[in-house]
């Protein structure tokens, strides 16, 4: 399952510099079984647009369903914080 998730994410969002993909089974807020997918990007300026993110979630859940996986994948995106500038005095 993890390999299938990684394949879909890389195919759809890899061009934005995906650094790591976390996959964690858990329960959602209603107590239903779910899969949490956290996509970490390498660059501060990684900027997948909402359409790309939505298409990825759609394709990911379709792929899981085709594998007879009934849990819904909840996807979140993490972009690193820009470095803080230190002002010279």
Protein backbone atom coordinates (compact mmCIF):
# COMPACT_ATOMS: atom_id res chain seq x y z
CA UNK A 1 0.00 0.00 0.00
CA UNK A 2 2.78 2.45 0.92
CA UNK A 3 4.50 1.86 -2.43
CA UNK A 4 1.25 2.62 -4.30
CA UNK A 5 0.76 5.83 -2.30
CA UNK A 6 4.34 6.93 -2.95
CA UNK A 7 3.97 6.20 -6.67
CA UNK A 8 0.83 8.32 -7.03
CA UNK A 9 2.29 11.19 -4.98
CA UNK A 10 5.56 11.21 -6.93
CA UNK A 11 3.76 11.00 -10.28
CA UNK A 12 1.47 13.90 -9.40
CA UNK A 13 3.63 16.11 -7.16
CA UNK A 14 7.23 14.97 -7.61
CA UNK A 15 8.02 17.96 -9.82
CA UNK A 16 7.46 20.20 -6.80
CA UNK A 17 10.36 18.59 -4.92
CA UNK A 18 8.81 15.96 -2.65
CA UNK A 19 11.42 15.08 -0.01
CA UNK A 20 9.52 12.53 2.09
CA UNK A 21 6.14 10.85 2.23
CA UNK A 22 4.81 9.67 5.59
CA UNK A 23 2.03 7.08 5.61
CA UNK A 24 0.29 6.35 8.88
CA UNK A 25 -2.85 4.31 9.56
CA UNK A 26 -5.05 5.85 12.24
CA UNK A 27 -8.64 6.80 13.01
CA UNK A 28 -10.27 9.97 11.73
CA UNK A 29 -12.22 12.41 13.92
CA UNK A 30 -15.28 10.13 13.78
CA UNK A 31 -13.31 7.08 14.86
CA UNK A 32 -13.36 5.49 11.40
CA UNK A 33 -10.21 3.79 10.10
CA UNK A 34 -8.20 6.15 7.89
CA UNK A 35 -4.81 6.58 6.28
CA UNK A 36 -2.90 9.80 6.92
CA UNK A 37 -0.43 10.84 4.24
CA UNK A 38 1.95 13.71 4.99
CA UNK A 39 3.91 15.04 2.02
CA UNK A 40 7.09 16.92 2.92
CA UNK A 41 8.64 19.21 0.33
CA UNK A 42 12.36 19.98 0.11
CA UNK A 43 12.22 23.62 -0.93
CA UNK A 44 10.73 26.64 0.77
CA UNK A 45 9.29 27.74 -2.56
CA UNK A 46 7.56 24.42 -3.33
CA UNK A 47 4.13 25.53 -4.37
CA UNK A 48 1.75 22.89 -5.71
CA UNK A 49 -1.47 24.63 -6.60
CA UNK A 50 -4.82 23.55 -5.13
CA UNK A 51 -5.82 21.82 -8.37
CA UNK A 52 -2.72 19.60 -8.25
CA UNK A 53 -3.32 18.79 -4.59
CA UNK A 54 -6.98 17.97 -5.22
CA UNK A 55 -6.18 15.78 -8.24
CA UNK A 56 -3.56 13.93 -6.21
CA UNK A 57 -6.01 13.16 -3.41
CA UNK A 58 -8.63 12.00 -5.94
CA UNK A 59 -6.17 9.73 -7.79
CA UNK A 60 -4.72 8.42 -4.54
CA UNK A 61 -8.09 7.39 -3.13
CA UNK A 62 -9.12 5.85 -6.46
CA UNK A 63 -5.90 3.82 -6.49
CA UNK A 64 -6.46 2.63 -2.92
CA UNK A 65 -10.07 1.71 -3.72
CA UNK A 66 -8.90 -0.29 -6.76
CA UNK A 67 -6.61 -2.19 -4.35
CA UNK A 68 -9.69 -3.00 -2.23
CA UNK A 69 -8.55 -0.57 0.48
CA UNK A 70 -11.63 0.88 2.16
CA UNK A 71 -9.88 3.48 4.32
CA UNK A 72 -9.90 7.07 3.10
CA UNK A 73 -6.55 8.81 2.67
CA UNK A 74 -6.27 12.21 4.35
CA UNK A 75 -3.44 14.18 2.75
CA UNK A 76 -1.52 17.11 4.20
CA UNK A 77 1.38 19.10 2.79
CA UNK A 78 4.40 20.43 4.69
CA UNK A 79 6.67 23.07 3.16
CA UNK A 80 9.76 24.10 5.15
CA UNK A 81 9.75 27.48 6.83
CA UNK A 82 11.92 30.11 5.19
CA UNK A 83 15.07 30.91 7.15
CA UNK A 84 14.74 33.89 9.44
CA UNK A 85 16.84 36.86 8.51
CA UNK A 86 19.08 38.31 11.12
CA UNK A 87 19.51 42.02 10.84
CA UNK A 88 22.95 43.48 11.33
CA UNK A 89 23.03 46.39 13.74
